[in-house]
Protein backbone atom coordinates (compact mmCIF):
# COMPACT_ATOMS: atom_id res chain seq x y z
CA MET A 1 261.85 -2.41 9.37
CA LYS A 2 263.82 -3.63 6.37
CA PRO A 3 260.83 -4.31 4.15
CA SER A 4 259.56 -0.82 4.74
CA GLY A 5 262.82 0.70 3.47
CA ARG A 6 262.66 -1.34 0.26
CA ILE A 7 259.15 -0.14 -0.43
CA ASN A 8 260.22 3.48 -0.04
CA VAL A 9 263.12 3.04 -2.46
CA VAL A 10 260.91 1.44 -5.09
CA TYR A 11 258.27 4.11 -4.71
CA SER A 12 260.79 6.92 -5.04
CA THR A 13 262.34 5.31 -8.11
CA THR A 14 258.96 4.89 -9.78
CA ARG A 15 258.06 8.44 -8.92
CA SER A 16 261.26 9.83 -10.47
CA ILE A 17 260.76 7.79 -13.67
CA SER A 18 257.18 9.04 -14.02
CA GLY A 19 258.26 12.68 -13.64
CA GLU A 20 261.02 12.27 -16.24
CA GLN A 21 258.56 10.74 -18.73
CA LYS A 22 256.16 13.61 -18.25
CA ALA A 23 258.94 16.09 -18.86
CA LYS A 24 259.91 14.29 -22.10
CA ASP A 25 256.30 14.21 -23.22
CA LEU A 26 255.89 17.91 -22.58
CA ASN A 27 259.12 18.67 -24.45
CA GLN A 28 258.09 16.53 -27.42
CA GLN A 29 254.69 18.17 -27.47
CA GLY A 30 256.32 21.60 -27.64
CA ILE A 31 258.61 20.48 -30.47
CA ASP A 32 255.67 19.04 -32.42
CA GLU A 33 253.69 22.24 -32.02
CA ALA A 34 256.67 24.31 -33.15
CA LEU A 35 257.21 22.12 -36.24
CA SER A 36 253.51 22.24 -37.05
CA ASP A 37 253.50 26.03 -36.82
CA PHE A 38 256.63 26.16 -39.01
CA ASP A 39 255.10 23.90 -41.67
CA THR A 40 251.92 25.94 -41.62
CA ALA A 41 253.89 29.16 -42.08
CA ILE A 42 255.88 27.69 -44.99
CA ALA A 43 252.72 26.41 -46.69
CA THR A 44 251.01 29.77 -46.25
CA GLU A 45 254.01 31.62 -47.68
CA ALA A 46 254.21 29.20 -50.62
CA ASN A 47 250.53 29.69 -51.40
CA GLU A 48 250.94 33.45 -51.28
CA LYS A 49 253.95 33.28 -53.64
CA GLN A 50 252.07 31.05 -56.06
CA ILE A 51 249.14 33.48 -56.05
CA ARG A 52 251.44 36.43 -56.75
CA ALA A 53 253.64 34.65 -59.34
CA PRO A 54 252.22 31.27 -60.35
CA TRP A 55 254.91 30.70 -63.01
CA HIS A 56 257.54 30.43 -60.28
CA ARG A 57 255.87 27.41 -58.76
CA GLN A 58 254.07 25.86 -61.70
CA GLY A 59 254.70 22.13 -61.81
CA ALA A 60 256.99 22.21 -58.76
CA GLU A 61 255.14 19.32 -57.16
CA GLU A 62 255.87 17.05 -60.13
CA PRO A 63 259.20 15.17 -60.30
CA PRO A 64 261.50 16.01 -63.24
CA VAL A 65 261.17 13.40 -65.97
CA ARG A 66 262.28 13.14 -69.59
CA LYS A 67 259.58 14.61 -71.80
CA GLN A 68 259.26 15.44 -75.46
CA ARG A 69 260.00 19.06 -76.22
CA SER A 70 257.41 21.06 -78.07
CA ALA A 71 257.66 24.46 -79.70
CA GLY A 72 255.19 26.15 -77.38
CA ALA A 73 251.64 26.44 -78.64
CA MET A 74 252.74 26.84 -82.28
CA THR A 75 251.38 24.02 -84.42
CA LYS A 76 251.68 25.50 -87.92
CA GLY A 77 254.71 26.85 -89.74
CA LYS A 78 255.03 30.19 -91.48
CA LEU A 79 256.92 31.38 -94.55
CA LEU A 80 257.72 35.08 -94.31
CA THR A 81 259.57 37.60 -96.47
CA THR A 82 262.47 39.77 -95.34
CA PRO A 83 263.81 43.14 -96.56
CA SER A 84 266.91 41.33 -97.89
CA ARG A 85 264.76 39.40 -100.42
CA LEU A 86 265.31 36.16 -98.50
CA LEU A 87 262.55 33.89 -97.22
CA LYS A 88 262.21 33.20 -93.50
CA LEU A 89 260.79 29.76 -92.74
CA VAL A 90 259.52 29.28 -89.18
CA LEU A 91 258.87 25.65 -88.23
CA PRO A 92 257.52 24.25 -84.92
CA LEU A 93 260.03 21.40 -84.84
CA THR A 94 259.75 18.78 -82.08
CA THR A 95 263.06 17.48 -80.72
CA LEU A 96 264.12 15.12 -77.92
CA ASP A 97 265.48 16.59 -74.69
CA HIS A 98 267.88 14.56 -72.53
CA ASN A 99 267.88 17.08 -69.69
CA SER A 100 265.73 16.55 -66.62
CA ASP A 101 264.91 20.27 -66.27
CA ARG A 102 263.03 20.50 -69.54
CA LYS A 103 261.77 23.78 -70.96
CA ASP A 104 259.74 24.52 -74.08
CA VAL A 105 261.88 25.56 -77.02
CA ALA A 106 261.22 28.35 -79.49
CA PRO A 107 260.26 27.51 -83.10
CA LEU A 108 263.10 27.08 -85.58
CA ALA A 109 263.73 29.95 -88.03
CA LEU A 110 265.63 29.38 -91.29
CA LEU A 111 266.68 31.89 -93.96
CA VAL A 112 266.67 30.60 -97.54
CA HIS A 113 266.89 32.13 -101.00
CA PRO A 114 264.14 31.45 -103.57
CA GLN A 115 266.73 30.18 -106.07
CA GLN A 116 268.15 27.57 -103.68
CA PRO A 117 266.96 23.97 -104.10
CA LEU A 118 264.75 22.13 -101.65
CA SER A 119 267.68 19.84 -100.84
CA TYR A 120 269.45 22.79 -99.20
CA LEU A 121 266.42 23.45 -97.01
CA GLU A 122 266.21 19.73 -96.26
CA ARG A 123 269.80 19.70 -94.96
CA LEU A 124 269.14 22.75 -92.79
CA ILE A 125 266.17 21.04 -91.16
CA GLN A 126 268.03 17.75 -90.72
CA ALA A 127 270.83 19.57 -88.89
CA GLU A 128 268.34 20.50 -86.15
CA LEU A 129 266.80 17.04 -85.77
CA PRO A 130 267.99 14.19 -83.53
CA THR A 131 269.00 10.91 -85.11
CA ILE A 132 266.63 7.99 -85.25
CA THR A 133 267.42 4.32 -84.63
CA THR A 134 266.65 1.84 -87.37
CA ASP A 135 265.51 -1.76 -86.93
CA LYS A 136 269.11 -2.89 -87.24
CA GLY A 137 270.16 -0.63 -84.37
CA ASP A 138 271.92 1.95 -86.55
CA SER A 139 271.47 5.68 -86.02
CA ARG A 140 270.78 7.97 -88.97
CA VAL A 141 269.32 11.37 -89.76
CA PRO A 142 265.57 11.31 -90.52
CA SER A 143 264.51 12.14 -94.05
CA VAL A 144 262.57 15.31 -94.85
CA SER A 145 260.15 15.70 -97.76
CA PHE A 146 258.05 18.58 -99.06
CA ARG A 147 254.56 18.18 -100.42
CA ALA A 148 252.26 20.62 -102.18
CA MET A 149 248.67 20.29 -103.27
CA GLU A 150 248.05 19.19 -106.84
CA SER A 151 244.92 20.74 -108.25
CA LYS A 152 242.32 18.54 -109.88
CA ASN A 153 242.17 20.95 -112.81
CA ASP A 154 245.75 20.06 -113.83
CA ASP A 155 244.82 16.73 -115.40
CA ILE A 156 246.01 16.22 -118.99
CA LYS A 157 242.94 15.94 -121.19
CA PRO A 158 242.22 16.08 -124.93
CA LYS A 159 242.06 19.57 -126.39
CA GLU A 160 238.92 18.92 -128.46
CA LYS A 161 235.71 17.88 -126.71
CA LEU A 162 232.20 17.06 -127.70
CA PRO A 163 229.59 19.84 -127.30
CA GLU A 164 227.90 18.12 -124.33
CA GLU A 165 231.29 17.60 -122.66
CA GLN A 166 232.13 21.28 -123.23
CA ASP A 167 228.90 22.35 -121.51
CA GLN A 168 229.62 20.09 -118.54
CA THR A 169 233.15 21.47 -118.31
CA ASN A 170 231.90 25.06 -118.29
CA GLN A 171 229.35 24.28 -115.58
CA SER A 172 231.91 22.52 -113.40
CA LYS A 173 234.39 25.37 -113.93
CA ASP A 174 231.79 27.95 -112.84
CA GLN A 175 230.97 25.90 -109.76
CA SER A 176 234.66 25.50 -108.98
CA GLN A 177 235.26 29.24 -109.23
CA SER A 178 232.27 29.98 -107.02
CA HIS A 179 233.26 27.55 -104.27
CA ARG A 180 237.02 27.89 -104.32
CA GLY A 181 238.91 30.96 -103.19
CA VAL A 182 242.25 29.91 -104.72
CA GLU A 183 242.62 28.89 -108.33
CA THR A 184 245.70 27.66 -110.15
CA TYR A 185 248.54 30.19 -109.80
CA SER A 186 246.18 32.80 -108.40
CA GLY A 187 248.85 34.18 -106.07
CA ALA A 188 246.38 34.38 -103.19
CA GLY A 189 248.28 31.88 -101.05
CA ARG A 190 247.30 32.04 -97.39
CA GLU A 191 244.90 34.90 -98.22
CA GLY A 192 242.67 32.58 -100.22
CA LYS A 193 239.24 31.59 -98.99
CA GLY A 194 237.27 28.43 -99.31
CA GLU A 195 238.25 24.78 -99.19
CA ASP A 196 241.19 23.42 -101.11
CA GLU A 197 240.66 20.47 -103.42
CA GLY A 198 243.32 18.08 -104.55
CA ASP A 199 245.95 15.69 -103.26
CA PHE A 200 249.34 16.53 -101.80
CA VAL A 201 252.22 15.48 -104.04
CA ARG A 202 255.82 15.07 -102.94
CA TRP A 203 258.27 17.32 -104.78
CA SER A 204 261.80 16.53 -105.86
CA ALA A 205 264.62 17.87 -103.69
CA SER A 206 266.27 19.43 -106.76
CA THR A 207 263.36 21.85 -107.29
CA GLU A 208 264.06 25.50 -106.58
CA ILE A 209 262.30 26.89 -103.53
CA GLY A 210 260.80 29.73 -105.57
CA ASP A 211 259.24 27.33 -108.10
CA PHE A 212 257.91 25.16 -105.29
CA ILE A 213 256.29 28.15 -103.57
CA ARG A 214 254.85 29.32 -106.89
CA ASP A 215 253.13 26.00 -107.40
CA ALA A 216 252.09 25.74 -103.75
CA ALA A 217 250.48 29.20 -103.95
CA ARG A 218 247.42 27.63 -105.55
CA ALA A 219 246.60 26.33 -102.05
CA LYS A 220 246.87 28.03 -98.70
CA GLU A 221 249.64 25.81 -97.36
CA PHE A 222 252.18 23.10 -98.08
CA GLU A 223 253.47 20.26 -95.90
CA VAL A 224 256.87 19.40 -94.48
CA GLU A 225 256.96 15.70 -93.60
CA ILE A 226 259.70 14.49 -91.23
CA GLU A 227 260.42 10.79 -90.85
CA GLY A 228 259.44 9.57 -87.41
CA GLY A 229 257.36 12.65 -86.65
CA SER A 230 253.86 12.63 -85.25
CA GLY A 231 252.52 14.13 -88.47
CA PRO A 232 253.28 16.55 -91.31
CA ILE A 233 253.96 20.18 -90.46
CA LYS A 234 251.71 22.52 -92.42
CA VAL A 235 253.26 25.79 -93.55
CA ALA A 236 251.21 28.77 -94.71
CA VAL A 237 252.12 29.84 -98.25
CA PRO A 238 252.94 33.54 -98.74
CA SER A 239 250.74 35.35 -101.22
CA PHE A 240 251.92 37.73 -103.92
CA ASN A 241 251.29 40.64 -101.56
CA ASP A 242 253.43 38.93 -98.90
CA ARG A 243 256.31 38.21 -101.28
CA THR A 244 256.39 41.77 -102.61
CA PHE A 245 255.53 43.64 -99.40
CA TYR A 246 259.00 45.07 -98.77
CA LEU A 247 259.61 45.66 -102.47
CA ARG A 248 256.39 47.63 -102.81
CA GLN A 249 257.21 49.59 -99.67
CA ARG A 250 260.60 50.52 -101.15
CA LEU A 251 258.98 51.43 -104.47
CA ARG A 252 256.52 53.72 -102.70
CA LYS A 253 259.34 55.37 -100.77
CA VAL A 254 261.37 55.93 -103.94
CA SER A 255 258.26 57.12 -105.79
CA ARG A 256 257.58 59.76 -103.16
CA GLN A 257 261.12 61.07 -103.51
CA ILE A 258 260.81 61.08 -107.31
CA ALA A 259 257.46 62.90 -107.07
CA ASP A 260 258.98 65.61 -104.87
CA MET A 261 261.78 66.19 -107.39
CA ALA A 262 259.54 65.79 -110.45
CA ASP A 263 257.82 69.14 -109.88
CA ILE A 264 261.13 71.03 -109.84
CA LYS A 265 262.38 69.10 -112.87
CA LYS A 266 259.19 69.77 -114.82
CA GLU A 267 259.43 73.49 -114.08
CA CYS A 268 263.06 73.63 -115.22
CA ASP A 269 262.38 71.53 -118.33
CA ASP A 270 259.46 73.70 -119.40
CA ALA A 271 261.53 76.85 -118.95
CA ALA A 272 264.43 75.32 -120.92
CA HIS A 273 262.16 74.30 -123.82
CA LYS A 274 260.60 77.75 -123.93
CA SER A 275 264.06 79.31 -123.99
CA ALA A 276 265.12 77.01 -126.84
CA GLN A 277 261.97 77.90 -128.75
CA ARG A 278 262.71 81.59 -128.30
CA ILE A 279 266.24 81.05 -129.63
CA ALA A 280 264.84 79.16 -132.63
CA MET A 281 262.33 81.92 -133.31
CA GLY A 282 265.14 84.46 -132.98
CA GLY A 283 267.15 82.59 -135.61
CA CYS A 284 264.13 82.55 -137.88
CA GLY A 285 263.70 86.31 -137.38
CA LEU A 286 267.37 86.84 -138.18
CA LEU A 287 266.99 84.99 -141.49
CA VAL A 288 263.89 86.99 -142.37
CA GLY A 289 265.75 90.19 -141.54
CA TRP A 290 268.69 89.17 -143.72
CA TRP A 291 266.34 88.41 -146.62
CA TYR A 292 264.68 91.81 -146.24
CA LEU A 293 268.06 93.57 -146.11
CA VAL A 294 269.21 91.85 -149.31
CA TYR A 295 265.93 92.78 -150.98
CA ARG A 296 266.24 96.45 -150.06
CA LEU A 297 269.89 96.72 -151.04
CA THR A 298 269.31 94.94 -154.35
CA PHE A 299 266.16 96.63 -155.65
CA GLU A 300 265.91 99.91 -153.78
CA THR A 301 269.52 101.12 -153.88
CA ASP A 302 272.15 101.83 -156.51
CA LEU A 303 274.19 98.74 -155.50
CA GLY A 304 272.14 96.39 -157.64
CA TRP A 305 272.35 92.69 -158.11
CA ASP A 306 275.86 92.78 -159.54
CA PHE A 307 277.16 93.85 -156.14
CA MET A 308 274.80 91.84 -153.90
CA GLU A 309 275.21 88.52 -155.69
CA PRO A 310 278.76 87.80 -154.48
CA VAL A 311 277.88 89.20 -151.04
CA THR A 312 274.95 86.82 -150.59
CA TYR A 313 277.04 83.94 -151.90
CA LEU A 314 279.90 84.62 -149.50
CA VAL A 315 277.60 85.19 -146.53
CA SER A 316 275.59 82.01 -147.21
CA THR A 317 278.72 79.91 -147.72
CA GLY A 318 280.31 81.38 -144.60
CA GLY A 319 277.17 80.62 -142.57
CA ILE A 320 277.15 77.02 -143.76
CA ILE A 321 280.84 76.59 -142.95
CA ALA A 322 280.37 78.18 -139.51
CA GLY A 323 277.40 75.94 -138.73
CA TYR A 324 279.27 72.84 -139.85
CA MET A 325 282.27 73.80 -137.71
CA TRP A 326 279.92 74.32 -134.75
CA PHE A 327 278.48 70.82 -135.10
CA LEU A 328 281.99 69.37 -135.42
CA TYR A 329 283.19 71.21 -132.33
CA HIS A 330 280.28 69.99 -130.20
CA ASN A 331 280.44 66.48 -131.72
CA ARG A 332 276.81 66.54 -132.75
CA GLU A 333 274.86 65.19 -135.67
CA VAL A 334 274.08 67.84 -138.26
CA SER A 335 270.36 68.29 -137.67
CA TYR A 336 267.91 70.70 -136.11
CA ARG A 337 267.06 68.12 -133.44
CA SER A 338 270.67 67.92 -132.27
CA ALA A 339 271.01 71.70 -132.11
CA LEU A 340 267.74 72.01 -130.20
CA HIS A 341 268.72 69.22 -127.80
CA LEU A 342 272.07 70.86 -127.08
CA THR A 343 270.42 74.21 -126.44
CA VAL A 344 267.82 72.66 -124.13
CA SER A 345 270.44 70.63 -122.24
CA ARG A 346 272.59 73.69 -121.56
CA ARG A 347 269.62 75.69 -120.36
CA GLN A 348 268.44 72.79 -118.20
CA SER A 349 271.84 72.50 -116.52
CA LYS A 350 271.82 76.18 -115.61
CA LEU A 351 268.26 76.04 -114.28
CA TYR A 352 268.98 72.85 -112.29
CA GLU A 353 271.93 74.56 -110.65
CA VAL A 354 269.86 77.63 -109.80
CA LYS A 355 266.94 75.59 -108.39
CA GLY A 356 269.22 73.19 -106.47
CA PHE A 357 268.08 70.13 -108.43
CA ASP A 358 270.47 67.16 -108.06
CA VAL A 359 270.61 65.39 -111.42
CA HIS A 360 272.68 62.46 -110.15
CA LYS A 361 270.22 61.80 -107.32
CA TRP A 362 267.34 61.94 -109.79
CA GLU A 363 268.98 59.43 -112.10
CA SER A 364 269.82 57.06 -109.23
CA LEU A 365 266.25 57.22 -107.88
CA VAL A 366 264.74 56.54 -111.30
CA GLU A 367 267.16 53.67 -111.88
CA GLU A 368 266.38 52.20 -108.46
CA GLY A 369 262.64 52.54 -109.07
CA ASN A 370 262.89 50.65 -112.35
CA ALA A 371 265.04 47.96 -110.73
CA ILE A 372 262.45 47.43 -107.96
CA ARG A 373 259.69 47.42 -110.56
CA ARG A 374 261.48 44.67 -112.51
CA GLU A 375 261.76 42.55 -109.36
CA ILE A 376 258.06 42.93 -108.58
CA LYS A 377 257.22 42.09 -112.19
CA ALA A 378 259.36 38.95 -111.91
CA VAL A 379 257.46 37.82 -108.80
CA ALA A 380 254.17 38.64 -110.51
CA SER A 381 255.16 36.44 -113.44
CA GLU A 382 255.99 33.63 -111.00
CA TYR A 383 252.53 33.88 -109.41
CA ASP A 384 250.88 34.57 -112.79
CA VAL A 385 249.02 37.62 -111.47
CA GLU A 386 248.43 41.13 -112.82
CA TRP A 387 250.13 43.83 -110.76
CA ASP A 388 248.69 47.35 -110.90
CA GLU A 389 251.86 49.41 -110.68
CA THR A 390 250.06 52.76 -110.65
CA LYS A 391 248.94 52.14 -107.06
CA ASP A 392 252.53 51.89 -105.87
CA GLU A 393 254.13 54.49 -108.15
CA HIS A 394 252.41 57.35 -106.31
CA SER A 395 251.52 59.54 -109.32
CA GLU A 396 251.43 59.78 -113.10
CA GLU A 397 254.59 61.91 -113.12
CA VAL A 398 256.53 59.09 -111.46
CA SER A 399 255.18 56.53 -113.93
CA LYS A 400 256.12 58.82 -116.82
CA ALA A 401 259.66 59.34 -115.49
CA LEU A 402 260.20 55.60 -115.03
CA ARG A 403 258.75 54.91 -118.47
CA GLU A 404 261.05 57.42 -120.14
CA ASP A 405 264.08 55.96 -118.38
CA ARG A 406 263.12 52.45 -119.51
CA LYS A 407 262.63 53.72 -123.05
CA ASN A 408 266.03 55.38 -123.08
CA SER A 409 267.69 52.31 -121.58
CA ASN A 410 266.09 50.02 -124.14
CA GLY A 411 267.14 52.35 -126.97
CA ASN A 412 270.73 52.50 -125.75
CA SER A 413 270.92 48.73 -125.30
CA LYS A 414 269.57 48.11 -128.81
CA LYS A 415 272.04 50.59 -130.27
CA LYS A 416 274.91 49.00 -128.36
CA ASP A 417 273.91 45.52 -129.52
CA LYS A 418 273.80 46.78 -133.11
CA ASP A 419 277.26 48.33 -132.80
CA ASP A 420 278.66 45.11 -131.31
CA LYS A 421 277.14 43.12 -134.14
CA ASP A 422 278.69 45.46 -136.72
CA ASP A 423 282.09 45.11 -135.02
CA GLU A 424 281.84 41.33 -135.17
CA ASP A 425 280.98 41.47 -138.87
């Protein structure tokens, strides 16, 4: 009987262990299925998010590592003009990022003045660059150099040539002009067409930025070489139209304002001159009438010449004295031109006031227009190009007004210089 009881105990124990294992297996199976469903749901949601907004998940599967920063997809620099007459240099500089969550950086923008040297621009660029390690283990700022293309036509050659050499030179020059879109100091800059010929030459850091750009304008670009960089950074050269874009826009705006006021001014000036001419003709008629009166009283009356002689003398002398006193009172030169100018000026002032013409605004606009014109002419001389100012001065009336103001300014400056010279003597 005892062995039978032991068998029952063993059987019951084995049976309980088997049931517990099955329960654990079923529980684990349920957990695995739940985790699998959860992972599937997360993956599905992630795929949907990436489809809706791929930039949120782009590169999320890659571990963060130290990479070299790049200025987006920009591979070429730009040199732009600003309304403040400064130059805006945009460079796709490449720097080193020590952060694990790296992001692309925007290109570097620098504002420089054309009269500043290249060394100033060099220091601005160096301030944005990381230091480099030399062979000795020392850290220093990388050097920056600027290079522009040197045309093959700039070689120093003898002035006199043989006839056959002259013919060859003319043929090569014609071929060069037909194949090249940018000649020496053409001012075309980035707008030029064709292939550039020549070697890039490094320029001194003491050169002014404006002179460097003027020389680089013969090609479509210049190079900024940074020590330790992957290669030189090419920068598009602004053309004459780029350099003077804002200036020409301002000149056109001022010219339109001058043109609007020029019609009113011309109407008032014409009326004033006609009024002065009528006054002059009236004075002439008065003299003719006085002569006729003297003639009648002398020869057709009993007064005779003995009476009219002292009368004519006194009247003539009194007229001369009165005219002289009038010129002294108005501080004018004794001449018909001065009297006519004073009469016209007074009439003009009255007509301007009636028509609502602002003389001070007119003078300021004309002065501003000439100042802008001088700046554009200065840039044109730098690029050695011919600027057609009539296209930007809106009309012939505007050109005439600016020309008269320049003529008056030059006359006053010459007179002032002469007076100063006399004072020194």
